[in-house]
């Protein structure tokens, strides 16, 4: 077993200039560190099977979950159950870094729901 961080993890880009690093990538569990610049957001969606937990490492993250708005600061997290429509948004003037834990992995389990 080797240690892992954003320098050694598999990296990918998503959305508008956002970054992701796969810290754990297995069918039964996914842990990703993500970075969103100011003004960036993900597409509103839900997962049929994956339960997720978003945890802010640095900055401020706005989460819309089933129409309810939550603002998470450094050291705060929120759980999202399967079937809950959600969208992460960085409304602050600084980048935000956060962890997304999914069980099972959310890859291939994302259902777009832009009208909610």
PDB file of N, CA and C in Angstrom:
ATOM      1  N   UNK A   1       0.817  -1.184   0.000  1.00  0.00           N
ATOM      2  CA  UNK A   1       0.000   0.000   0.000  1.00  0.00           C
ATOM      3  C   UNK A   1       0.861   1.248   0.000  1.00  0.00           C
ATOM      4  N   UNK A   2       0.501   2.181  -0.816  1.00  0.00           N
ATOM      5  CA  UNK A   2       1.236   3.448  -0.905  1.00  0.00           C
ATOM      6  C   UNK A   2       0.337   4.589  -0.446  1.00  0.00           C
ATOM      7  N   UNK A   3       0.947   5.627   0.062  1.00  0.00           N
ATOM      8  CA  UNK A   3       0.166   6.817   0.407  1.00  0.00           C
ATOM      9  C   UNK A   3      -0.269   7.503  -0.880  1.00  0.00           C
ATOM     10  N   UNK A   4      -1.313   8.301  -0.776  1.00  0.00           N
ATOM     11  CA  UNK A   4      -1.847   8.976  -1.963  1.00  0.00           C
ATOM     12  C   UNK A   4      -2.191  10.414  -1.603  1.00  0.00           C
ATOM     13  N   UNK A   5      -2.004  11.293  -2.560  1.00  0.00           N
ATOM     14  CA  UNK A   5      -2.396  12.694  -2.424  1.00  0.00           C
ATOM     15  C   UNK A   5      -2.663  13.231  -3.822  1.00  0.00           C
ATOM     16  N   UNK A   6      -2.938  14.521  -3.950  1.00  0.00           N
ATOM     17  CA  UNK A   6      -3.280  15.083  -5.258  1.00  0.00           C
ATOM     18  C   UNK A   6      -2.102  15.083  -6.235  1.00  0.00           C
ATOM     19  N   UNK A   7      -0.898  14.878  -5.738  1.00  0.00           N
ATOM     20  CA  UNK A   7       0.260  14.782  -6.638  1.00  0.00           C
ATOM     21  C   UNK A   7       0.393  13.396  -7.257  1.00  0.00           C
ATOM     22  N   UNK A   8      -0.140  12.371  -6.593  1.00  0.00           N
ATOM     23  CA  UNK A   8       0.022  11.003  -7.074  1.00  0.00           C
ATOM     24  C   UNK A   8      -1.289  10.370  -7.545  1.00  0.00           C
ATOM     25  N   UNK A   9      -2.435  10.945  -7.191  1.00  0.00           N
ATOM     26  CA  UNK A   9      -3.731  10.386  -7.558  1.00  0.00           C
ATOM     27  C   UNK A   9      -4.052  10.637  -9.027  1.00  0.00           C
ATOM     28  N   UNK A  10      -4.914   9.789  -9.579  1.00  0.00           N
ATOM     29  CA  UNK A  10      -5.413   9.985 -10.946  1.00  0.00           C
ATOM     30  C   UNK A  10      -6.216  11.280 -10.986  1.00  0.00           C
ATOM     31  N   UNK A  11      -5.874  12.181 -11.897  1.00  0.00           N
ATOM     32  CA  UNK A  11      -6.496  13.495 -12.009  1.00  0.00           C
ATOM     33  C   UNK A  11      -7.424  13.535 -13.217  1.00  0.00           C
ATOM     34  N   UNK A  12      -8.481  14.330 -13.124  1.00  0.00           N
ATOM     35  CA  UNK A  12      -9.350  14.591 -14.267  1.00  0.00           C
ATOM     36  C   UNK A  12      -9.925  15.996 -14.140  1.00  0.00           C
ATOM     37  N   UNK A  13     -10.344  16.553 -15.266  1.00  0.00           N
ATOM     38  CA  UNK A  13     -11.016  17.857 -15.300  1.00  0.00           C
ATOM     39  C   UNK A  13     -12.494  17.637 -15.541  1.00  0.00           C
ATOM     40  N   UNK A  14     -13.306  18.497 -14.974  1.00  0.00           N
ATOM     41  CA  UNK A  14     -14.747  18.418 -15.217  1.00  0.00           C
ATOM     42  C   UNK A  14     -15.331  19.826 -15.174  1.00  0.00           C
ATOM     43  N   UNK A  15     -16.509  19.969 -15.746  1.00  0.00           N
ATOM     44  CA  UNK A  15     -17.208  21.252 -15.730  1.00  0.00           C
ATOM     45  C   UNK A  15     -16.359  22.379 -16.284  1.00  0.00           C
ATOM     46  N   UNK A  16     -16.511  23.537 -15.664  1.00  0.00           N
ATOM     47  CA  UNK A  16     -15.808  24.741 -16.096  1.00  0.00           C
ATOM     48  C   UNK A  16     -14.545  24.923 -15.263  1.00  0.00           C
ATOM     49  N   UNK A  17     -13.456  24.334 -15.687  1.00  0.00           N
ATOM     50  CA  UNK A  17     -12.159  24.495 -15.034  1.00  0.00           C
ATOM     51  C   UNK A  17     -12.104  23.910 -13.626  1.00  0.00           C
ATOM     52  N   UNK A  18     -12.843  22.828 -13.384  1.00  0.00           N
ATOM     53  CA  UNK A  18     -12.819  22.145 -12.099  1.00  0.00           C
ATOM     54  C   UNK A  18     -11.878  20.948 -12.178  1.00  0.00           C
ATOM     55  N   UNK A  19     -11.340  20.545 -11.029  1.00  0.00           N
ATOM     56  CA  UNK A  19     -10.407  19.425 -10.954  1.00  0.00           C
ATOM     57  C   UNK A  19     -10.937  18.364 -10.016  1.00  0.00           C
ATOM     58  N   UNK A  20     -10.577  17.117 -10.299  1.00  0.00           N
ATOM     59  CA  UNK A  20     -10.892  16.004  -9.413  1.00  0.00           C
ATOM     60  C   UNK A  20      -9.711  15.057  -9.334  1.00  0.00           C
ATOM     61  N   UNK A  21      -9.520  14.467  -8.164  1.00  0.00           N
ATOM     62  CA  UNK A  21      -8.458  13.475  -7.954  1.00  0.00           C
ATOM     63  C   UNK A  21      -9.078  12.252  -7.294  1.00  0.00           C
ATOM     64  N   UNK A  22      -8.918  11.083  -7.918  1.00  0.00           N
ATOM     65  CA  UNK A  22      -9.429   9.827  -7.361  1.00  0.00           C
ATOM     66  C   UNK A  22      -8.495   9.357  -6.255  1.00  0.00           C
ATOM     67  N   UNK A  23      -8.910   9.508  -5.012  1.00  0.00           N
ATOM     68  CA  UNK A  23      -8.115   9.046  -3.880  1.00  0.00           C
ATOM     69  C   UNK A  23      -8.377   7.569  -3.598  1.00  0.00           C
ATOM     70  N   UNK A  24      -9.643   7.154  -3.750  1.00  0.00           N
ATOM     71  CA  UNK A  24     -10.036   5.739  -3.694  1.00  0.00           C
ATOM     72  C   UNK A  24     -10.993   5.531  -4.844  1.00  0.00           C
ATOM     73  N   UNK A  25     -10.712   4.527  -5.670  1.00  0.00           N
ATOM     74  CA  UNK A  25     -11.579   4.268  -6.826  1.00  0.00           C
ATOM     75  C   UNK A  25     -11.844   2.772  -6.913  1.00  0.00           C
ATOM     76  N   UNK A  26     -12.979   2.365  -6.353  1.00  0.00           N
ATOM     77  CA  UNK A  26     -13.383   0.961  -6.344  1.00  0.00           C
ATOM     78  C   UNK A  26     -14.896   0.913  -6.562  1.00  0.00           C
ATOM     79  N   UNK A  27     -15.423  -0.196  -7.061  1.00  0.00           N
ATOM     80  CA  UNK A  27     -16.872  -0.272  -7.296  1.00  0.00           C
ATOM     81  C   UNK A  27     -17.700  -0.028  -6.038  1.00  0.00           C
ATOM     82  N   UNK A  28     -17.190  -0.452  -4.875  1.00  0.00           N
ATOM     83  CA  UNK A  28     -17.965  -0.322  -3.650  1.00  0.00           C
ATOM     84  C   UNK A  28     -17.735   0.995  -2.896  1.00  0.00           C
ATOM     85  N   UNK A  29     -16.698   1.755  -3.299  1.00  0.00           N
ATOM     86  CA  UNK A  29     -16.390   3.001  -2.593  1.00  0.00           C
ATOM     87  C   UNK A  29     -15.582   3.933  -3.494  1.00  0.00           C
ATOM     88  N   UNK A  30     -15.955   5.201  -3.479  1.00  0.00           N
ATOM     89  CA  UNK A  30     -15.212   6.225  -4.216  1.00  0.00           C
ATOM     90  C   UNK A  30     -14.974   7.406  -3.283  1.00  0.00           C
ATOM     91  N   UNK A  31     -13.708   7.863  -3.233  1.00  0.00           N
ATOM     92  CA  UNK A  31     -13.379   9.084  -2.502  1.00  0.00           C
ATOM     93  C   UNK A  31     -12.608   9.979  -3.457  1.00  0.00           C
ATOM     94  N   UNK A  32     -13.146  11.160  -3.696  1.00  0.00           N
ATOM     95  CA  UNK A  32     -12.571  12.100  -4.657  1.00  0.00           C
ATOM     96  C   UNK A  32     -12.337  13.434  -3.968  1.00  0.00           C
ATOM     97  N   UNK A  33     -11.169  14.019  -4.186  1.00  0.00           N
ATOM     98  CA  UNK A  33     -10.949  15.401  -3.781  1.00  0.00           C
ATOM     99  C   UNK A  33     -11.243  16.256  -5.008  1.00  0.00           C
ATOM    100  N   UNK A  34     -12.023  17.299  -4.814  1.00  0.00           N
ATOM    101  CA  UNK A  34     -12.377  18.174  -5.927  1.00  0.00           C
ATOM    102  C   UNK A  34     -12.029  19.615  -5.592  1.00  0.00           C
ATOM    103  N   UNK A  35     -11.778  20.385  -6.657  1.00  0.00           N
ATOM    104  CA  UNK A  35     -11.514  21.812  -6.540  1.00  0.00           C
ATOM    105  C   UNK A  35     -12.388  22.530  -7.545  1.00  0.00           C
ATOM    106  N   UNK A  36     -13.128  23.550  -7.064  1.00  0.00           N
ATOM    107  CA  UNK A  36     -13.986  24.356  -7.924  1.00  0.00           C
ATOM    108  C   UNK A  36     -13.555  25.810  -7.805  1.00  0.00           C
ATOM    109  N   UNK A  37     -13.306  26.468  -8.932  1.00  0.00           N
ATOM    110  CA  UNK A  37     -12.983  27.900  -8.879  1.00  0.00           C
ATOM    111  C   UNK A  37     -14.242  28.719  -8.583  1.00  0.00           C
ATOM    112  N   UNK A  38     -14.072  29.994  -8.242  1.00  0.00           N
ATOM    113  CA  UNK A  38     -15.232  30.859  -7.993  1.00  0.00           C
ATOM    114  C   UNK A  38     -16.197  30.860  -9.180  1.00  0.00           C
ATOM    115  N   UNK A  39     -17.485  30.776  -8.881  1.00  0.00           N
ATOM    116  CA  UNK A  39     -18.509  30.832  -9.922  1.00  0.00           C
ATOM    117  C   UNK A  39     -18.813  29.515 -10.609  1.00  0.00           C
ATOM    118  N   UNK A  40     -18.052  28.466 -10.325  1.00  0.00           N
ATOM    119  CA  UNK A  40     -18.263  27.166 -10.981  1.00  0.00           C
ATOM    120  C   UNK A  40     -19.403  26.405 -10.309  1.00  0.00           C
ATOM    121  N   UNK A  41     -20.003  25.492 -11.072  1.00  0.00           N
ATOM    122  CA  UNK A  41     -21.051  24.632 -10.518  1.00  0.00           C
ATOM    123  C   UNK A  41     -21.087  23.330 -11.301  1.00  0.00           C
ATOM    124  N   UNK A  42     -21.681  22.327 -10.670  1.00  0.00           N
ATOM    125  CA  UNK A  42     -21.906  21.079 -11.372  1.00  0.00           C
ATOM    126  C   UNK A  42     -23.338  21.065 -11.880  1.00  0.00           C
ATOM    127  N   UNK A  43     -23.671  20.122 -12.714  1.00  0.00           N
ATOM    128  CA  UNK A  43     -25.018  19.984 -13.255  1.00  0.00           C
ATOM    129  C   UNK A  43     -25.909  19.341 -12.188  1.00  0.00           C
ATOM    130  N   UNK A  44     -27.111  19.863 -12.029  1.00  0.00           N
ATOM    131  CA  UNK A  44     -28.067  19.277 -11.078  1.00  0.00           C
ATOM    132  C   UNK A  44     -28.353  17.834 -11.498  1.00  0.00           C
ATOM    133  N   UNK A  45     -28.304  16.915 -10.521  1.00  0.00           N
ATOM    134  CA  UNK A  45     -28.478  15.499 -10.821  1.00  0.00           C
ATOM    135  C   UNK A  45     -28.828  14.733  -9.546  1.00  0.00           C
ATOM    136  N   UNK A  46     -29.051  13.427  -9.698  1.00  0.00           N
ATOM    137  CA  UNK A  46     -29.211  12.549  -8.546  1.00  0.00           C
ATOM    138  C   UNK A  46     -28.602  11.202  -8.877  1.00  0.00           C
ATOM    139  N   UNK A  47     -28.490  10.356  -7.878  1.00  0.00           N
ATOM    140  CA  UNK A  47     -27.943   9.008  -8.050  1.00  0.00           C
ATOM    141  C   UNK A  47     -28.999   8.012  -7.587  1.00  0.00           C
ATOM    142  N   UNK A  48     -29.198   6.962  -8.365  1.00  0.00           N
ATOM    143  CA  UNK A  48     -30.189   5.946  -8.018  1.00  0.00           C
ATOM    144  C   UNK A  48     -29.713   5.077  -6.858  1.00  0.00           C
ATOM    145  N   UNK A  49     -28.402   4.834  -6.770  1.00  0.00           N
ATOM    146  CA  UNK A  49     -27.878   3.889  -5.780  1.00  0.00           C
ATOM    147  C   UNK A  49     -26.878   4.493  -4.802  1.00  0.00           C
ATOM    148  N   UNK A  50     -26.077   5.438  -5.244  1.00  0.00           N
ATOM    149  CA  UNK A  50     -24.976   5.945  -4.424  1.00  0.00           C
ATOM    150  C   UNK A  50     -25.461   6.897  -3.333  1.00  0.00           C
ATOM    151  N   UNK A  51     -24.963   6.680  -2.134  1.00  0.00           N
ATOM    152  CA  UNK A  51     -25.097   7.622  -1.026  1.00  0.00           C
ATOM    153  C   UNK A  51     -23.798   8.420  -1.002  1.00  0.00           C
ATOM    154  N   UNK A  52     -23.893   9.742  -0.868  1.00  0.00           N
ATOM    155  CA  UNK A  52     -22.697  10.577  -0.923  1.00  0.00           C
ATOM    156  C   UNK A  52     -22.560  11.426   0.332  1.00  0.00           C
ATOM    157  N   UNK A  53     -21.312  11.800   0.605  1.00  0.00           N
ATOM    158  CA  UNK A  53     -21.011  12.728   1.683  1.00  0.00           C
ATOM    159  C   UNK A  53     -20.009  13.736   1.162  1.00  0.00           C
ATOM    160  N   UNK A  54     -20.379  15.017   1.187  1.00  0.00           N
ATOM    161  CA  UNK A  54     -19.512  16.117   0.763  1.00  0.00           C
ATOM    162  C   UNK A  54     -18.917  16.739   2.017  1.00  0.00           C
ATOM    163  N   UNK A  55     -17.597  16.919   2.045  1.00  0.00           N
ATOM    164  CA  UNK A  55     -16.901  17.486   3.198  1.00  0.00           C
ATOM    165  C   UNK A  55     -15.935  18.567   2.726  1.00  0.00           C
ATOM    166  N   UNK A  56     -16.098  19.792   3.222  1.00  0.00           N
ATOM    167  CA  UNK A  56     -15.298  20.928   2.765  1.00  0.00           C
ATOM    168  C   UNK A  56     -13.953  20.943   3.485  1.00  0.00           C
ATOM    169  N   UNK A  57     -12.878  20.934   2.686  1.00  0.00           N
ATOM    170  CA  UNK A  57     -11.516  21.021   3.208  1.00  0.00           C
ATOM    171  C   UNK A  57     -11.051  22.464   3.339  1.00  0.00           C
ATOM    172  N   UNK A  58     -11.480  23.289   2.372  1.00  0.00           N
ATOM    173  CA  UNK A  58     -11.045  24.687   2.342  1.00  0.00           C
ATOM    174  C   UNK A  58     -12.041  25.502   1.534  1.00  0.00           C
ATOM    175  N   UNK A  59     -12.486  26.617   2.078  1.00  0.00           N
ATOM    176  CA  UNK A  59     -13.393  27.498   1.353  1.00  0.00           C
ATOM    177  C   UNK A  59     -14.839  27.304   1.770  1.00  0.00           C
ATOM    178  N   UNK A  60     -15.743  27.658   0.852  1.00  0.00           N
ATOM    179  CA  UNK A  60     -17.175  27.608   1.115  1.00  0.00           C
ATOM    180  C   UNK A  60     -17.880  26.987  -0.081  1.00  0.00           C
ATOM    181  N   UNK A  61     -18.749  26.022   0.178  1.00  0.00           N
ATOM    182  CA  UNK A  61     -19.470  25.308  -0.879  1.00  0.00           C
ATOM    183  C   UNK A  61     -20.961  25.443  -0.642  1.00  0.00           C
ATOM    184  N   UNK A  62     -21.678  25.837  -1.673  1.00  0.00           N
ATOM    185  CA  UNK A  62     -23.134  25.930  -1.625  1.00  0.00           C
ATOM    186  C   UNK A  62     -23.694  24.639  -2.196  1.00  0.00           C
ATOM    187  N   UNK A  63     -24.568  23.966  -1.456  1.00  0.00           N
ATOM    188  CA  UNK A  63     -25.217  22.743  -1.922  1.00  0.00           C
ATOM    189  C   UNK A  63     -26.714  22.957  -1.963  1.00  0.00           C
ATOM    190  N   UNK A  64     -27.285  22.670  -3.130  1.00  0.00           N
ATOM    191  CA  UNK A  64     -28.734  22.659  -3.263  1.00  0.00           C
ATOM    192  C   UNK A  64     -29.155  21.203  -3.257  1.00  0.00           C
ATOM    193  N   UNK A  65     -30.002  20.814  -2.308  1.00  0.00           N
ATOM    194  CA  UNK A  65     -30.439  19.425  -2.177  1.00  0.00           C
ATOM    195  C   UNK A  65     -31.961  19.404  -2.118  1.00  0.00           C
ATOM    196  N   UNK A  66     -32.571  18.804  -3.126  1.00  0.00           N
ATOM    197  CA  UNK A  66     -34.035  18.741  -3.218  1.00  0.00           C
ATOM    198  C   UNK A  66     -34.679  20.107  -2.988  1.00  0.00           C
ATOM    199  N   UNK A  67     -34.074  21.149  -3.529  1.00  0.00           N
ATOM    200  CA  UNK A  67     -34.630  22.495  -3.445  1.00  0.00           C
ATOM    201  C   UNK A  67     -34.258  23.261  -2.184  1.00  0.00           C
ATOM    202  N   UNK A  68     -33.604  22.593  -1.226  1.00  0.00           N
ATOM    203  CA  UNK A  68     -33.147  23.279  -0.005  1.00  0.00           C
ATOM    204  C   UNK A  68     -31.704  23.716  -0.200  1.00  0.00           C
ATOM    205  N   UNK A  69     -31.376  24.911   0.293  1.00  0.00           N
ATOM    206  CA  UNK A  69     -30.034  25.471   0.138  1.00  0.00           C
ATOM    207  C   UNK A  69     -29.232  25.338   1.423  1.00  0.00           C
ATOM    208  N   UNK A  70     -27.981  24.895   1.272  1.00  0.00           N
ATOM    209  CA  UNK A  70     -27.066  24.706   2.399  1.00  0.00           C
ATOM    210  C   UNK A  70     -25.731  25.334   2.031  1.00  0.00           C
ATOM    211  N   UNK A  71     -25.147  26.085   2.946  1.00  0.00           N
ATOM    212  CA  UNK A  71     -23.814  26.636   2.743  1.00  0.00           C
ATOM    213  C   UNK A  71     -22.874  25.958   3.721  1.00  0.00           C
ATOM    214  N   UNK A  72     -21.863  25.270   3.179  1.00  0.00           N
ATOM    215  CA  UNK A  72     -20.893  24.538   3.985  1.00  0.00           C
ATOM    216  C   UNK A  72     -19.579  25.304   4.022  1.00  0.00           C
ATOM    217  N   UNK A  73     -19.036  25.468   5.202  1.00  0.00           N
ATOM    218  CA  UNK A  73     -17.739  26.106   5.388  1.00  0.00           C
ATOM    219  C   UNK A  73     -16.694  25.043   5.698  1.00  0.00           C
ATOM    220  N   UNK A  74     -15.434  25.445   5.758  1.00  0.00           N
ATOM    221  CA  UNK A  74     -14.341  24.536   6.078  1.00  0.00           C
ATOM    222  C   UNK A  74     -14.676  23.733   7.332  1.00  0.00           C
ATOM    223  N   UNK A  75     -14.504  22.417   7.223  1.00  0.00           N
ATOM    224  CA  UNK A  75     -14.764  21.534   8.345  1.00  0.00           C
ATOM    225  C   UNK A  75     -16.197  21.066   8.470  1.00  0.00           C
ATOM    226  N   UNK A  76     -17.054  21.423   7.510  1.00  0.00           N
ATOM    227  CA  UNK A  76     -18.446  20.994   7.539  1.00  0.00           C
ATOM    228  C   UNK A  76     -18.735  20.052   6.378  1.00  0.00           C
ATOM    229  N   UNK A  77     -19.719  19.160   6.576  1.00  0.00           N
ATOM    230  CA  UNK A  77     -20.104  18.222   5.542  1.00  0.00           C
ATOM    231  C   UNK A  77     -21.601  18.013   5.531  1.00  0.00           C
ATOM    232  N   UNK A  78     -22.071  17.318   4.482  1.00  0.00           N
ATOM    233  CA  UNK A  78     -23.497  17.017   4.369  1.00  0.00           C
ATOM    234  C   UNK A  78     -23.665  15.700   3.617  1.00  0.00           C
ATOM    235  N   UNK A  79     -24.613  14.902   4.074  1.00  0.00           N
ATOM    236  CA  UNK A  79     -24.915  13.608   3.458  1.00  0.00           C
ATOM    237  C   UNK A  79     -26.049  13.765   2.454  1.00  0.00           C
ATOM    238  N   UNK A  80     -25.934  13.033   1.350  1.00  0.00           N
ATOM    239  CA  UNK A  80     -26.966  13.050   0.316  1.00  0.00           C
ATOM    240  C   UNK A  80     -27.378  11.612   0.056  1.00  0.00           C
ATOM    241  N   UNK A  81     -28.642  11.327   0.274  1.00  0.00           N
ATOM    242  CA  UNK A  81     -29.166   9.978   0.101  1.00  0.00           C
ATOM    243  C   UNK A  81     -29.421   9.682  -1.374  1.00  0.00           C
ATOM    244  N   UNK A  82     -29.452   8.407  -1.752  1.00  0.00           N
ATOM    245  CA  UNK A  82     -29.818   8.059  -3.124  1.00  0.00           C
ATOM    246  C   UNK A  82     -31.178   8.668  -3.472  1.00  0.00           C
ATOM    247  N   UNK A  83     -31.307   9.183  -4.675  1.00  0.00           N
ATOM    248  CA  UNK A  83     -32.560   9.774  -5.135  1.00  0.00           C
ATOM    249  C   UNK A  83     -32.712  11.256  -4.843  1.00  0.00           C
ATOM    250  N   UNK A  84     -31.856  11.826  -3.999  1.00  0.00           N
ATOM    251  CA  UNK A  84     -31.951  13.259  -3.708  1.00  0.00           C
ATOM    252  C   UNK A  84     -31.267  14.058  -4.818  1.00  0.00           C
ATOM    253  N   UNK A  85     -32.005  14.968  -5.426  1.00  0.00           N
ATOM    254  CA  UNK A  85     -31.454  15.844  -6.447  1.00  0.00           C
ATOM    255  C   UNK A  85     -30.524  16.843  -5.776  1.00  0.00           C
ATOM    256  N   UNK A  86     -29.345  17.035  -6.363  1.00  0.00           N
ATOM    257  CA  UNK A  86     -28.385  17.953  -5.751  1.00  0.00           C
ATOM    258  C   UNK A  86     -27.507  18.627  -6.791  1.00  0.00           C
ATOM    259  N   UNK A  87     -26.905  19.750  -6.349  1.00  0.00           N
ATOM    260  CA  UNK A  87     -26.011  20.527  -7.198  1.00  0.00           C
ATOM    261  C   UNK A  87     -25.034  21.268  -6.292  1.00  0.00           C
ATOM    262  N   UNK A  88     -23.740  21.124  -6.576  1.00  0.00           N
ATOM    263  CA  UNK A  88     -22.697  21.854  -5.853  1.00  0.00           C
ATOM    264  C   UNK A  88     -22.374  23.118  -6.634  1.00  0.00           C
ATOM    265  N   UNK A  89     -22.267  24.241  -5.910  1.00  0.00           N
ATOM    266  CA  UNK A  89     -22.017  25.539  -6.535  1.00  0.00           C
ATOM    267  C   UNK A  89     -21.011  26.301  -5.677  1.00  0.00           C
ATOM    268  N   UNK A  90     -20.043  26.927  -6.336  1.00  0.00           N
ATOM    269  CA  UNK A  90     -19.127  27.803  -5.610  1.00  0.00           C
ATOM    270  C   UNK A  90     -19.563  29.237  -5.860  1.00  0.00           C
ATOM    271  N   UNK A  91     -20.265  29.811  -4.913  1.00  0.00           N
ATOM    272  CA  UNK A  91     -20.741  31.193  -5.027  1.00  0.00           C
ATOM    273  C   UNK A  91     -19.777  32.179  -4.386  1.00  0.00           C
ATOM    274  N   UNK A  92     -18.677  31.695  -3.843  1.00  0.00           N
ATOM    275  CA  UNK A  92     -17.731  32.572  -3.161  1.00  0.00           C
ATOM    276  C   UNK A  92     -16.740  33.162  -4.161  1.00  0.00           C
ATOM    277  N   UNK A  93     -15.886  34.017  -3.685  1.00  0.00           N
ATOM    278  CA  UNK A  93     -14.863  34.642  -4.519  1.00  0.00           C
ATOM    279  C   UNK A  93     -13.538  33.911  -4.486  1.00  0.00           C
ATOM    280  N   UNK A  94     -13.496  32.727  -3.854  1.00  0.00           N
ATOM    281  CA  UNK A  94     -12.263  31.943  -3.740  1.00  0.00           C
ATOM    282  C   UNK A  94     -12.528  30.503  -4.152  1.00  0.00           C
ATOM    283  N   UNK A  95     -11.493  29.778  -4.555  1.00  0.00           N
ATOM    284  CA  UNK A  95     -11.673  28.352  -4.859  1.00  0.00           C
ATOM    285  C   UNK A  95     -12.137  27.598  -3.615  1.00  0.00           C
ATOM    286  N   UNK A  96     -12.829  26.494  -3.828  1.00  0.00           N
ATOM    287  CA  UNK A  96     -13.238  25.614  -2.742  1.00  0.00           C
ATOM    288  C   UNK A  96     -12.675  24.217  -3.023  1.00  0.00           C
ATOM    289  N   UNK A  97     -12.176  23.578  -1.972  1.00  0.00           N
ATOM    290  CA  UNK A  97     -11.686  22.195  -2.064  1.00  0.00           C
ATOM    291  C   UNK A  97     -12.533  21.344  -1.134  1.00  0.00           C
ATOM    292  N   UNK A  98     -12.958  20.180  -1.630  1.00  0.00           N
ATOM    293  CA  UNK A  98     -13.818  19.325  -0.820  1.00  0.00           C
ATOM    294  C   UNK A  98     -13.638  17.868  -1.210  1.00  0.00           C
ATOM    295  N   UNK A  99     -14.052  16.984  -0.304  1.00  0.00           N
ATOM    296  CA  UNK A  99     -14.048  15.548  -0.555  1.00  0.00           C
ATOM    297  C   UNK A  99     -15.464  15.111  -0.883  1.00  0.00           C
ATOM    298  N   UNK A 100     -15.582  14.182  -1.839  1.00  0.00           N
ATOM    299  CA  UNK A 100     -16.860  13.545  -2.140  1.00  0.00           C
ATOM    300  C   UNK A 100     -16.665  12.045  -1.951  1.00  0.00           C
ATOM    301  N   UNK A 101     -17.351  11.500  -0.950  1.00  0.00           N
ATOM    302  CA  UNK A 101     -17.313  10.069  -0.691  1.00  0.00           C
ATOM    303  C   UNK A 101     -18.615   9.476  -1.200  1.00  0.00           C
ATOM    304  N   UNK A 102     -18.528   8.413  -2.006  1.00  0.00           N
ATOM    305  CA  UNK A 102     -19.719   7.775  -2.570  1.00  0.00           C
ATOM    306  C   UNK A 102     -19.670   6.280  -2.287  1.00  0.00           C
ATOM    307  N   UNK A 103     -20.793   5.741  -1.824  1.00  0.00           N
ATOM    308  CA  UNK A 103     -20.883   4.314  -1.551  1.00  0.00           C
ATOM    309  C   UNK A 103     -22.250   3.806  -1.998  1.00  0.00           C
ATOM    310  N   UNK A 104     -22.320   2.886  -2.987  1.00  0.00           N
ATOM    311  CA  UNK A 104     -21.197   2.470  -3.829  1.00  0.00           C
ATOM    312  C   UNK A 104     -20.751   3.626  -4.718  1.00  0.00           C
ATOM    313  N   UNK A 105     -19.759   3.378  -5.529  1.00  0.00           N
ATOM    314  CA  UNK A 105     -19.247   4.411  -6.432  1.00  0.00           C
ATOM    315  C   UNK A 105     -20.389   5.012  -7.246  1.00  0.00           C
ATOM    316  N   UNK A 106     -20.332   6.315  -7.461  1.00  0.00           N
ATOM    317  CA  UNK A 106     -21.385   7.007  -8.219  1.00  0.00           C
ATOM    318  C   UNK A 106     -21.151   6.981  -9.720  1.00  0.00           C
ATOM    319  N   UNK A 107     -20.010   6.466 -10.170  1.00  0.00           N
ATOM    320  CA  UNK A 107     -19.703   6.437 -11.598  1.00  0.00           C
ATOM    321  C   UNK A 107     -20.702   5.522 -12.322  1.00  0.00           C
ATOM    322  N   UNK A 108     -21.351   6.070 -13.343  1.00  0.00           N
ATOM    323  CA  UNK A 108     -22.372   5.338 -14.087  1.00  0.00           C
ATOM    324  C   UNK A 108     -23.735   5.372 -13.411  1.00  0.00           C
ATOM    325  N   UNK A 109     -23.873   6.100 -12.307  1.00  0.00           N
ATOM    326  CA  UNK A 109     -25.110   6.156 -11.539  1.00  0.00           C
ATOM    327  C   UNK A 109     -25.645   7.589 -11.463  1.00  0.00           C
ATOM    328  N   UNK A 110     -25.246   8.424 -12.380  1.00  0.00           N
ATOM    329  CA  UNK A 110     -25.635   9.838 -12.367  1.00  0.00           C
ATOM    330  C   UNK A 110     -26.791  10.053 -13.333  1.00  0.00           C
ATOM    331  N   UNK A 111     -27.888  10.614 -12.820  1.00  0.00           N
ATOM    332  CA  UNK A 111     -29.091  10.850 -13.617  1.00  0.00           C
ATOM    333  C   UNK A 111     -29.337  12.362 -13.610  1.00  0.00           C
ATOM    334  N   UNK A 112     -29.260  12.972 -14.799  1.00  0.00           N
ATOM    335  CA  UNK A 112     -29.446  14.422 -14.908  1.00  0.00           C
ATOM    336  C   UNK A 112     -30.892  14.787 -14.636  1.00  0.00           C
ATOM    337  N   UNK A 113     -31.069  15.898 -13.930  1.00  0.00           N
ATOM    338  CA  UNK A 113     -32.394  16.358 -13.547  1.00  0.00           C
ATOM    339  C   UNK A 113     -32.396  17.895 -13.542  1.00  0.00           C
ATOM    340  N   UNK A 114     -32.217  18.514 -14.707  1.00  0.00           N
ATOM    341  CA  UNK A 114     -32.027  19.961 -14.738  1.00  0.00           C
ATOM    342  C   UNK A 114     -33.259  20.792 -14.427  1.00  0.00           C
ATOM    343  N   UNK A 115     -34.439  20.218 -14.367  1.00  0.00           N
ATOM    344  CA  UNK A 115     -35.646  21.021 -14.187  1.00  0.00           C
ATOM    345  C   UNK A 115     -36.063  21.170 -12.735  1.00  0.00           C
ATOM    346  N   UNK A 116     -35.389  20.527 -11.807  1.00  0.00           N
ATOM    347  CA  UNK A 116     -35.787  20.612 -10.381  1.00  0.00           C
ATOM    348  C   UNK A 116     -35.339  21.911  -9.770  1.00  0.00           C
TER     349      UNK A 116
END
